[in-house]
Amino acid sequence: MITPKRDYSKILELNAPNPLKRISRRDLRFYKDLTGEEIFERSENWVPLSLKKETDVVKLDLSKLYRIFKILKREADKVDLKFATCKEGLFDFHIVDNCRGISYQENYKLGPTLFETWKIYTQNRTIPTMEDLYEKLCNDDKYLCDYKLREYPRILRKGLKVHEKILAKTLSDKEIIKGIDPAFIS
């Protein structure tokens, strides 16, 4: 059993719902002390999670995540467990067609995401632009995007438009795309 050097019960209590969902560089020492794992000590194992340079949130390096998810997929396949990687990228490990879990609802609408981008990429081996996504998805009734957003209240429309703007910025930077998923290599 690992015995932490300091009492981290308050920090754990605050992070209890999902302690590794968002982790900042300053939190790495906490996780190193808590687990004893060297991976938290080496900064080269961690890359920025956000496009904003001033944001301190990090995620595990893609090559390390890739190895972890490769093992997870193999084990999940053995017991017919379905999972998706969603925000982690690595879409080629998806066992389900929808990573959001929203498909368990009866009536739902989707917005364009990197996962749809990846599906289009696998068909023609080029990273689609936002216009390509609109052309491919907006005519489908299950997708809310672009001009379809006008019919929704501002409180809903605003968040969806912000998401589309971030997606467009992401799609315009090939290095960011390759950093999200190694399968995006043109």
C-alpha atoms as a PDB file:
ATOM      1  CA  MET A   1       0.000   0.000   0.000  1.00  0.00           C
ATOM      2  CA  ILE A   2       1.209   3.494  -0.867  1.00  0.00           C
ATOM      3  CA  THR A   3       1.491   5.905   2.048  1.00  0.00           C
ATOM      4  CA  PRO A   4       1.373   9.549   0.960  1.00  0.00           C
ATOM      5  CA  LYS A   5       3.979  11.873   2.454  1.00  0.00           C
ATOM      6  CA  ARG A   6       1.322  14.503   3.222  1.00  0.00           C
ATOM      7  CA  ASP A   7      -2.353  14.377   4.164  1.00  0.00           C
ATOM      8  CA  TYR A   8      -4.218  14.922   0.907  1.00  0.00           C
ATOM      9  CA  SER A   9      -7.705  14.025   2.155  1.00  0.00           C
ATOM     10  CA  LYS A  10      -9.094  17.554   1.615  1.00  0.00           C
ATOM     11  CA  ILE A  11      -7.754  17.739  -1.937  1.00  0.00           C
ATOM     12  CA  LEU A  12      -9.099  14.270  -2.688  1.00  0.00           C
ATOM     13  CA  GLU A  13     -12.462  15.227  -1.250  1.00  0.00           C
ATOM     14  CA  LEU A  14     -12.636  18.274  -3.532  1.00  0.00           C
ATOM     15  CA  ASN A  15     -11.604  16.209  -6.559  1.00  0.00           C
ATOM     16  CA  ALA A  16     -13.584  13.081  -5.676  1.00  0.00           C
ATOM     17  CA  PRO A  17     -16.026  13.021  -8.602  1.00  0.00           C
ATOM     18  CA  ASN A  18     -13.234  12.730 -11.154  1.00  0.00           C
ATOM     19  CA  PRO A  19      -9.742  13.574  -9.893  1.00  0.00           C
ATOM     20  CA  LEU A  20      -7.958  13.138 -13.234  1.00  0.00           C
ATOM     21  CA  LYS A  21     -10.541  14.837 -15.454  1.00  0.00           C
ATOM     22  CA  ARG A  22      -8.548  18.072 -15.328  1.00  0.00           C
ATOM     23  CA  ILE A  23      -5.085  18.213 -13.874  1.00  0.00           C
ATOM     24  CA  SER A  24      -2.774  21.207 -13.730  1.00  0.00           C
ATOM     25  CA  ARG A  25       1.004  21.092 -13.751  1.00  0.00           C
ATOM     26  CA  ARG A  26       1.046  22.212 -10.127  1.00  0.00           C
ATOM     27  CA  ASP A  27      -1.118  19.159  -9.214  1.00  0.00           C
ATOM     28  CA  LEU A  28       1.437  16.694 -10.600  1.00  0.00           C
ATOM     29  CA  ARG A  29       3.443  16.623  -7.365  1.00  0.00           C
ATOM     30  CA  PHE A  30       0.264  15.762  -5.452  1.00  0.00           C
ATOM     31  CA  TYR A  31      -0.397  12.763  -7.692  1.00  0.00           C
ATOM     32  CA  LYS A  32       3.258  11.705  -7.532  1.00  0.00           C
ATOM     33  CA  ASP A  33       3.175  11.793  -3.719  1.00  0.00           C
ATOM     34  CA  LEU A  34      -0.177  10.039  -3.633  1.00  0.00           C
ATOM     35  CA  THR A  35       0.643   7.203  -6.026  1.00  0.00           C
ATOM     36  CA  GLY A  36       4.414   6.977  -5.938  1.00  0.00           C
ATOM     37  CA  GLU A  37       4.317   6.753  -9.742  1.00  0.00           C
ATOM     38  CA  GLU A  38       7.282   8.361 -11.495  1.00  0.00           C
ATOM     39  CA  ILE A  39       5.118   9.250 -14.506  1.00  0.00           C
ATOM     40  CA  PHE A  40       3.768  12.245 -12.582  1.00  0.00           C
ATOM     41  CA  GLU A  41       7.277  13.537 -11.885  1.00  0.00           C
ATOM     42  CA  ARG A  42       8.506  13.901 -15.456  1.00  0.00           C
ATOM     43  CA  SER A  43       7.127  16.962 -17.224  1.00  0.00           C
ATOM     44  CA  GLU A  44       7.813  15.444 -20.666  1.00  0.00           C
ATOM     45  CA  ASN A  45       4.973  12.976 -19.977  1.00  0.00           C
ATOM     46  CA  TRP A  46       2.459  15.835 -19.920  1.00  0.00           C
ATOM     47  CA  VAL A  47       1.191  18.101 -22.693  1.00  0.00           C
ATOM     48  CA  PRO A  48      -1.251  21.070 -22.643  1.00  0.00           C
ATOM     49  CA  LEU A  49      -4.920  20.107 -22.786  1.00  0.00           C
ATOM     50  CA  SER A  50      -6.080  23.501 -23.988  1.00  0.00           C
ATOM     51  CA  LEU A  51      -5.396  25.523 -27.118  1.00  0.00           C
ATOM     52  CA  LYS A  52      -4.897  28.541 -24.848  1.00  0.00           C
ATOM     53  CA  LYS A  53      -1.229  28.836 -23.942  1.00  0.00           C
ATOM     54  CA  GLU A  54      -1.943  30.501 -20.598  1.00  0.00           C
ATOM     55  CA  THR A  55      -4.057  27.568 -19.371  1.00  0.00           C
ATOM     56  CA  ASP A  56      -2.158  25.285 -17.017  1.00  0.00           C
ATOM     57  CA  VAL A  57      -4.306  22.182 -17.587  1.00  0.00           C
ATOM     58  CA  VAL A  58      -2.379  19.170 -18.896  1.00  0.00           C
ATOM     59  CA  LYS A  59      -3.028  15.628 -20.043  1.00  0.00           C
ATOM     60  CA  LEU A  60      -0.864  12.579 -20.344  1.00  0.00           C
ATOM     61  CA  ASP A  61       1.293  12.511 -23.475  1.00  0.00           C
ATOM     62  CA  LEU A  62      -0.450  10.878 -26.445  1.00  0.00           C
ATOM     63  CA  SER A  63       2.059   8.041 -26.793  1.00  0.00           C
ATOM     64  CA  LYS A  64       1.443   7.041 -23.167  1.00  0.00           C
ATOM     65  CA  LEU A  65      -2.330   7.346 -23.558  1.00  0.00           C
ATOM     66  CA  TYR A  66      -2.133   5.270 -26.743  1.00  0.00           C
ATOM     67  CA  ARG A  67      -0.436   2.392 -24.913  1.00  0.00           C
ATOM     68  CA  ILE A  68      -2.971   2.549 -22.081  1.00  0.00           C
ATOM     69  CA  PHE A  69      -5.994   2.582 -24.399  1.00  0.00           C
ATOM     70  CA  LYS A  70      -4.559  -0.213 -26.528  1.00  0.00           C
ATOM     71  CA  ILE A  71      -4.553  -2.422 -23.426  1.00  0.00           C
ATOM     72  CA  LEU A  72      -8.020  -1.204 -22.391  1.00  0.00           C
ATOM     73  CA  LYS A  73      -9.475  -1.978 -25.825  1.00  0.00           C
ATOM     74  CA  ARG A  74      -7.959  -5.461 -25.856  1.00  0.00           C
ATOM     75  CA  GLU A  75      -9.369  -6.216 -22.399  1.00  0.00           C
ATOM     76  CA  ALA A  76     -12.766  -4.665 -23.225  1.00  0.00           C
ATOM     77  CA  ASP A  77     -13.016  -6.800 -26.367  1.00  0.00           C
ATOM     78  CA  LYS A  78     -12.506  -9.939 -24.269  1.00  0.00           C
ATOM     79  CA  VAL A  79     -15.612  -9.245 -22.185  1.00  0.00           C
ATOM     80  CA  ASP A  80     -17.679  -7.454 -24.854  1.00  0.00           C
ATOM     81  CA  LEU A  81     -17.471  -4.135 -22.993  1.00  0.00           C
ATOM     82  CA  LYS A  82     -18.250  -1.049 -25.078  1.00  0.00           C
ATOM     83  CA  PHE A  83     -16.329   2.204 -24.591  1.00  0.00           C
ATOM     84  CA  ALA A  84     -15.214   5.338 -26.392  1.00  0.00           C
ATOM     85  CA  THR A  85     -12.336   7.715 -25.816  1.00  0.00           C
ATOM     86  CA  CYS A  86     -14.137  10.962 -26.732  1.00  0.00           C
ATOM     87  CA  LYS A  87     -12.109  13.864 -25.335  1.00  0.00           C
ATOM     88  CA  GLU A  88      -8.908  11.842 -25.270  1.00  0.00           C
ATOM     89  CA  GLY A  89      -8.916  11.496 -29.064  1.00  0.00           C
ATOM     90  CA  LEU A  90      -7.627   8.083 -30.159  1.00  0.00           C
ATOM     91  CA  PHE A  91     -10.858   7.498 -32.068  1.00  0.00           C
ATOM     92  CA  ASP A  92      -9.614   4.283 -33.667  1.00  0.00           C
ATOM     93  CA  PHE A  93     -10.106   2.637 -30.253  1.00  0.00           C
ATOM     94  CA  HIS A  94     -13.829   3.413 -30.164  1.00  0.00           C
ATOM     95  CA  ILE A  95     -16.013   0.341 -29.860  1.00  0.00           C
ATOM     96  CA  VAL A  96     -19.260   2.346 -30.072  1.00  0.00           C
ATOM     97  CA  ASP A  97     -20.346   4.760 -32.766  1.00  0.00           C
ATOM     98  CA  ASN A  98     -21.309   7.553 -30.388  1.00  0.00           C
ATOM     99  CA  CYS A  99     -19.007   8.586 -27.570  1.00  0.00           C
ATOM    100  CA  ARG A 100     -21.444  10.973 -25.920  1.00  0.00           C
ATOM    101  CA  GLY A 101     -23.829   8.403 -24.438  1.00  0.00           C
ATOM    102  CA  ILE A 102     -26.658  10.598 -25.703  1.00  0.00           C
ATOM    103  CA  SER A 103     -27.869   7.809 -27.982  1.00  0.00           C
ATOM    104  CA  TYR A 104     -29.455   6.229 -24.906  1.00  0.00           C
ATOM    105  CA  GLN A 105     -32.020   9.047 -25.044  1.00  0.00           C
ATOM    106  CA  GLU A 106     -35.082   8.694 -27.264  1.00  0.00           C
ATOM    107  CA  ASN A 107     -34.946  12.093 -28.933  1.00  0.00           C
ATOM    108  CA  TYR A 108     -31.643  13.843 -29.307  1.00  0.00           C
ATOM    109  CA  LYS A 109     -29.650  16.123 -31.566  1.00  0.00           C
ATOM    110  CA  LEU A 110     -25.882  16.220 -32.032  1.00  0.00           C
ATOM    111  CA  GLY A 111     -23.394  18.936 -32.809  1.00  0.00           C
ATOM    112  CA  PRO A 112     -20.303  18.441 -34.974  1.00  0.00           C
ATOM    113  CA  THR A 113     -17.297  17.181 -33.003  1.00  0.00           C
ATOM    114  CA  LEU A 114     -13.802  15.881 -33.627  1.00  0.00           C
ATOM    115  CA  PHE A 115     -15.257  12.379 -33.727  1.00  0.00           C
ATOM    116  CA  GLU A 116     -17.374  13.252 -36.788  1.00  0.00           C
ATOM    117  CA  THR A 117     -14.280  14.874 -38.256  1.00  0.00           C
ATOM    118  CA  TRP A 118     -12.357  11.639 -37.732  1.00  0.00           C
ATOM    119  CA  LYS A 119     -15.135   9.562 -39.360  1.00  0.00           C
ATOM    120  CA  ILE A 120     -15.026  11.795 -42.447  1.00  0.00           C
ATOM    121  CA  TYR A 121     -11.217  11.650 -42.424  1.00  0.00           C
ATOM    122  CA  THR A 122     -11.258   7.828 -42.481  1.00  0.00           C
ATOM    123  CA  GLN A 123     -13.414   7.911 -45.629  1.00  0.00           C
ATOM    124  CA  ASN A 124     -11.284  10.217 -47.774  1.00  0.00           C
ATOM    125  CA  ARG A 125      -7.965  10.560 -45.833  1.00  0.00           C
ATOM    126  CA  THR A 126      -8.065  14.364 -45.733  1.00  0.00           C
ATOM    127  CA  ILE A 127      -8.879  16.445 -42.683  1.00  0.00           C
ATOM    128  CA  PRO A 128     -12.194  18.171 -43.408  1.00  0.00           C
ATOM    129  CA  THR A 129     -12.710  21.893 -42.987  1.00  0.00           C
ATOM    130  CA  MET A 130     -15.634  23.292 -41.028  1.00  0.00           C
ATOM    131  CA  GLU A 131     -17.414  23.882 -44.334  1.00  0.00           C
ATOM    132  CA  ASP A 132     -16.930  20.193 -45.211  1.00  0.00           C
ATOM    133  CA  LEU A 133     -18.455  19.235 -41.864  1.00  0.00           C
ATOM    134  CA  TYR A 134     -21.420  21.550 -42.429  1.00  0.00           C
ATOM    135  CA  GLU A 135     -21.969  20.131 -45.907  1.00  0.00           C
ATOM    136  CA  LYS A 136     -21.790  16.551 -44.651  1.00  0.00           C
ATOM    137  CA  LEU A 137     -23.691  16.901 -41.356  1.00  0.00           C
ATOM    138  CA  CYS A 138     -26.086  19.861 -41.425  1.00  0.00           C
ATOM    139  CA  ASN A 139     -28.478  18.224 -43.876  1.00  0.00           C
ATOM    140  CA  ASP A 140     -28.871  15.291 -41.491  1.00  0.00           C
ATOM    141  CA  ASP A 141     -31.792  15.860 -39.090  1.00  0.00           C
ATOM    142  CA  LYS A 142     -29.885  14.494 -36.111  1.00  0.00           C
ATOM    143  CA  TYR A 143     -27.238  17.266 -36.301  1.00  0.00           C
ATOM    144  CA  LEU A 144     -27.579  20.844 -35.093  1.00  0.00           C
ATOM    145  CA  CYS A 145     -25.084  23.112 -36.765  1.00  0.00           C
ATOM    146  CA  ASP A 146     -24.548  26.334 -38.604  1.00  0.00           C
ATOM    147  CA  TYR A 147     -27.838  27.811 -39.855  1.00  0.00           C
ATOM    148  CA  LYS A 148     -30.001  25.337 -37.860  1.00  0.00           C
ATOM    149  CA  LEU A 149     -28.897  26.951 -34.609  1.00  0.00           C
ATOM    150  CA  ARG A 150     -30.870  30.143 -35.348  1.00  0.00           C
ATOM    151  CA  GLU A 151     -34.155  28.513 -34.329  1.00  0.00           C
ATOM    152  CA  TYR A 152     -32.924  27.790 -30.779  1.00  0.00           C
ATOM    153  CA  PRO A 153     -32.899  30.150 -27.784  1.00  0.00           C
ATOM    154  CA  ARG A 154     -29.752  32.226 -27.372  1.00  0.00           C
ATOM    155  CA  ILE A 155     -28.786  30.411 -24.165  1.00  0.00           C
ATOM    156  CA  LEU A 156     -28.448  27.126 -26.114  1.00  0.00           C
ATOM    157  CA  ARG A 157     -27.269  28.610 -29.391  1.00  0.00           C
ATOM    158  CA  LYS A 158     -24.371  30.524 -27.814  1.00  0.00           C
ATOM    159  CA  GLY A 159     -22.654  27.448 -26.339  1.00  0.00           C
ATOM    160  CA  LEU A 160     -23.039  25.485 -29.557  1.00  0.00           C
ATOM    161  CA  LYS A 161     -21.620  28.362 -31.631  1.00  0.00           C
ATOM    162  CA  VAL A 162     -18.633  28.656 -29.266  1.00  0.00           C
ATOM    163  CA  HIS A 163     -18.037  24.917 -29.657  1.00  0.00           C
ATOM    164  CA  GLU A 164     -18.158  25.252 -33.464  1.00  0.00           C
ATOM    165  CA  LYS A 165     -15.699  28.163 -33.325  1.00  0.00           C
ATOM    166  CA  ILE A 166     -13.218  26.132 -31.244  1.00  0.00           C
ATOM    167  CA  LEU A 167     -13.664  23.155 -33.574  1.00  0.00           C
ATOM    168  CA  ALA A 168     -13.000  25.370 -36.618  1.00  0.00           C
ATOM    169  CA  LYS A 169      -9.818  26.737 -34.999  1.00  0.00           C
ATOM    170  CA  THR A 170      -8.700  23.202 -34.161  1.00  0.00           C
ATOM    171  CA  LEU A 171      -9.351  21.941 -37.697  1.00  0.00           C
ATOM    172  CA  SER A 172      -7.286  24.777 -39.156  1.00  0.00           C
ATOM    173  CA  ASP A 173      -4.152  23.665 -37.278  1.00  0.00           C
ATOM    174  CA  LYS A 174      -2.787  20.322 -38.527  1.00  0.00           C
ATOM    175  CA  GLU A 175      -0.329  20.021 -35.619  1.00  0.00           C
ATOM    176  CA  ILE A 176      -3.142  20.257 -33.092  1.00  0.00           C
ATOM    177  CA  ILE A 177      -5.134  17.639 -35.011  1.00  0.00           C
ATOM    178  CA  LYS A 178      -2.190  15.235 -35.087  1.00  0.00           C
ATOM    179  CA  GLY A 179      -1.718  15.817 -31.368  1.00  0.00           C
ATOM    180  CA  ILE A 180      -5.300  14.774 -30.718  1.00  0.00           C
ATOM    181  CA  ASP A 181      -5.106  11.476 -32.538  1.00  0.00           C
ATOM    182  CA  PRO A 182      -2.194   9.873 -34.391  1.00  0.00           C
ATOM    183  CA  ALA A 183      -4.738   8.462 -36.859  1.00  0.00           C
ATOM    184  CA  PHE A 184      -5.030  12.013 -38.289  1.00  0.00           C
ATOM    185  CA  ILE A 185      -1.862  11.773 -40.350  1.00  0.00           C
ATOM    186  CA  SER A 186      -2.270  12.947 -43.933  1.00  0.00           C
END
